[in-house]
Protein backbone atom coordinates (compact mmCIF):
# COMPACT_ATOMS: atom_id res chain seq x y z
CA MET A 1 7.24 -10.11 18.90
CA LYS A 2 5.78 -10.87 15.45
CA ILE A 3 6.70 -8.11 13.02
CA ALA A 4 5.17 -7.98 9.55
CA ILE A 5 5.66 -5.83 6.48
CA TYR A 6 2.94 -4.83 4.05
CA PRO A 7 4.78 -3.57 0.95
CA GLY A 8 3.46 -1.79 -2.10
CA SER A 9 3.60 1.28 -4.27
CA PHE A 10 0.27 2.61 -2.89
CA ASP A 11 -0.24 5.10 -5.74
CA PRO A 12 -2.61 5.98 -4.07
CA ILE A 13 -3.57 3.93 -1.04
CA THR A 14 -7.09 2.51 -1.41
CA LEU A 15 -9.71 1.32 1.04
CA GLY A 16 -8.71 -2.20 -0.02
CA HIS A 17 -5.13 -1.53 1.10
CA LEU A 18 -6.40 -0.01 4.34
CA ASP A 19 -8.55 -3.08 4.99
CA ILE A 20 -5.51 -5.35 4.61
CA ILE A 21 -3.48 -3.08 6.92
CA ARG A 22 -6.18 -3.16 9.61
CA ARG A 23 -6.51 -6.92 9.39
CA ALA A 24 -2.73 -7.39 9.55
CA ALA A 25 -2.57 -5.05 12.56
CA ARG A 26 -4.92 -7.44 14.40
CA CYS A 27 -2.71 -10.43 13.56
CA PHE A 28 0.76 -9.06 14.27
CA ASP A 29 2.42 -7.07 17.04
CA LYS A 30 3.90 -4.55 14.61
CA VAL A 31 3.16 -3.83 10.95
CA PHE A 32 5.37 -1.72 8.74
CA VAL A 33 3.65 -0.36 5.64
CA CYS A 34 6.57 -0.11 3.25
CA VAL A 35 6.18 2.29 0.34
CA LEU A 36 8.49 0.87 -2.29
CA TYR A 37 9.99 2.73 -5.21
CA ASN A 38 8.76 0.57 -8.09
CA CYS A 39 10.96 1.06 -11.14
CA ASP A 40 8.52 -0.98 -13.28
CA LYS A 41 5.67 1.48 -12.77
CA LYS A 42 5.87 4.39 -15.15
CA ALA A 43 4.84 7.93 -14.22
CA PRO A 44 3.35 7.53 -10.75
CA MET A 45 0.58 9.98 -9.91
CA PHE A 46 2.01 10.82 -6.47
CA SER A 47 5.58 11.17 -5.29
CA PRO A 48 6.73 8.52 -2.80
CA GLU A 49 6.79 11.20 -0.10
CA LYS A 50 3.18 12.24 -0.82
CA ARG A 51 2.07 8.56 -0.79
CA LEU A 52 3.81 8.11 2.56
CA GLU A 53 2.08 11.18 3.97
CA MET A 54 -1.35 9.95 2.85
CA ILE A 55 -0.71 6.49 4.31
CA ARG A 56 0.42 7.95 7.62
CA HIS A 57 -2.82 9.95 7.85
CA ALA A 58 -4.88 6.89 6.93
CA VAL A 59 -3.28 4.64 9.60
CA ALA A 60 -2.93 7.24 12.34
CA GLU A 61 -5.46 5.46 14.59
CA LEU A 62 -3.57 2.14 14.42
CA PRO A 63 -0.94 2.25 17.19
CA ASN A 64 1.02 -0.78 15.97
CA VAL A 65 1.34 0.40 12.35
CA GLU A 66 4.13 2.56 10.93
CA ALA A 67 4.72 3.63 7.34
CA GLU A 68 8.12 4.18 5.74
CA LEU A 69 9.82 4.56 2.37
CA PHE A 70 12.30 2.00 1.09
CA SER A 71 14.13 1.70 -2.22
CA GLY A 72 16.08 -1.55 -1.94
CA LEU A 73 15.26 -5.24 -1.81
CA LEU A 74 12.26 -6.07 0.32
CA ALA A 75 14.15 -8.94 2.00
CA ASP A 76 16.82 -6.45 3.10
CA TYR A 77 14.15 -4.16 4.55
CA ALA A 78 12.65 -7.13 6.41
CA ARG A 79 16.04 -8.01 7.92
CA GLU A 80 16.57 -4.37 8.93
CA LYS A 81 13.19 -4.31 10.71
CA LYS A 82 13.62 -7.81 12.19
CA ALA A 83 10.42 -8.82 10.39
CA SER A 84 9.89 -12.41 9.32
CA ILE A 85 6.52 -11.99 7.61
CA LEU A 86 5.37 -10.25 4.45
CA VAL A 87 1.66 -9.55 4.15
CA LYS A 88 0.18 -9.52 0.66
CA GLY A 89 -3.39 -8.79 -0.27
CA VAL A 90 -4.80 -10.75 -3.20
CA ARG A 91 -7.96 -9.90 -5.13
CA ASN A 92 -8.00 -12.77 -7.61
CA ALA A 93 -6.05 -15.68 -9.12
CA THR A 94 -3.89 -13.34 -11.20
CA ASP A 95 -2.77 -11.47 -8.07
CA PHE A 96 -2.14 -14.77 -6.30
CA ASP A 97 0.03 -16.14 -9.13
CA LEU A 98 2.20 -13.01 -9.20
CA GLU A 99 2.50 -12.79 -5.40
CA TYR A 100 3.23 -16.51 -5.11
CA GLN A 101 6.19 -16.07 -7.47
CA MET A 102 7.40 -13.08 -5.48
CA ALA A 103 7.09 -15.07 -2.23
CA ALA A 104 9.34 -17.77 -3.70
CA ILE A 105 11.89 -15.17 -4.79
CA ASN A 106 11.90 -13.51 -1.36
CA ARG A 107 12.35 -16.88 0.37
CA GLY A 108 15.22 -17.58 -2.01
CA ILE A 109 16.89 -14.37 -0.85
CA TRP A 110 16.12 -14.97 2.83
CA GLU A 111 14.69 -18.37 3.74
CA GLU A 112 13.25 -17.17 7.06
CA LEU A 113 10.94 -14.71 5.30
CA GLU A 114 7.38 -16.03 5.06
CA THR A 115 4.58 -14.51 3.00
CA VAL A 116 1.02 -14.47 4.31
CA PHE A 117 -1.76 -13.92 1.78
CA LEU A 118 -4.89 -12.10 2.88
CA PRO A 119 -7.79 -12.32 0.45
CA ALA A 120 -9.44 -9.02 -0.38
CA CYS A 121 -12.88 -8.47 1.09
CA GLY A 122 -15.67 -8.67 -1.45
CA ALA A 123 -16.29 -4.93 -1.26
CA TYR A 124 -12.72 -4.23 -2.42
CA GLN A 125 -12.03 -7.00 -4.94
CA HIS A 126 -13.06 -4.99 -7.96
CA PHE A 127 -10.77 -2.01 -7.77
CA SER A 128 -7.10 -1.14 -7.72
CA SER A 129 -4.87 1.91 -7.49
CA THR A 130 -4.76 1.93 -11.30
CA MET A 131 -8.55 2.23 -11.46
CA VAL A 132 -8.49 4.96 -8.79
CA ARG A 133 -5.92 6.95 -10.80
CA GLU A 134 -8.27 6.81 -13.80
CA MET A 135 -11.15 8.02 -11.65
CA ILE A 136 -8.97 10.89 -10.39
CA ARG A 137 -8.04 11.88 -13.96
CA TYR A 138 -11.71 12.07 -14.94
CA GLY A 139 -12.92 13.82 -11.77
CA GLN A 140 -15.05 10.95 -10.44
CA PRO A 141 -16.14 10.66 -6.78
CA LEU A 142 -13.61 8.70 -4.72
CA ASP A 143 -15.08 8.33 -1.24
CA LYS A 144 -16.00 4.65 -1.87
CA TYR A 145 -12.46 3.79 -2.98
CA VAL A 146 -9.83 5.71 -1.00
CA PRO A 147 -9.34 6.84 2.60
CA LEU A 148 -10.50 10.31 3.59
CA ALA A 149 -6.85 11.46 3.73
CA VAL A 150 -6.53 10.84 -0.02
CA VAL A 151 -9.81 12.57 -0.84
CA GLU A 152 -8.73 15.60 1.22
CA GLU A 153 -5.30 15.70 -0.42
CA LEU A 154 -6.85 15.60 -3.89
CA GLU A 155 -9.23 18.42 -2.96
CA ARG A 156 -6.27 20.51 -1.71
CA GLN A 157 -4.37 19.83 -4.93
CA LYS A 158 -7.38 20.71 -7.07
CA LYS A 159 -7.90 23.99 -5.16
CA ALA A 160 -4.18 24.85 -5.47
CA ASP A 161 -4.36 24.19 -9.23
CA GLU A 162 -7.46 26.36 -9.59
CA ASP A 163 -5.91 29.16 -7.51
CA GLY A 164 -2.77 29.03 -9.62
CA ARG A 165 -4.67 29.55 -12.89
CA ILE A 166 -5.71 33.13 -12.28
């Protein structure tokens, strides 16, 4: 059985992430979407638990995909899951350079761990979670950028905020 891991902070998950997950699910028997606690990212918009919930809703129709939280080394998570493949989506040369370095580091930690790069589809190359967070802050439409589960969660949060300001 080929088990792969698609790691990231997913703050929030985007349609680009979801495209990579779907494509990985076609290539591997099992895909774990691993929501990592990223200490380098300051002030995330969503808690890790909320990100996990949104991802689980977004991948619910994919029977060979599971989402989990993890706070340690990715190579340790891969060993724990008996996964030998990391899936990384790349939008451009900058992404590739960074992910290539990370692949070398992960292989240095565990030499059996391979990284597979999936290029972003043209429709998703131009945006990131960072851009989506900016759009959220300024109340812009999101349906072209994030899964329905994220749009619905944001609408619930907005309604709760409005109801709380009586």
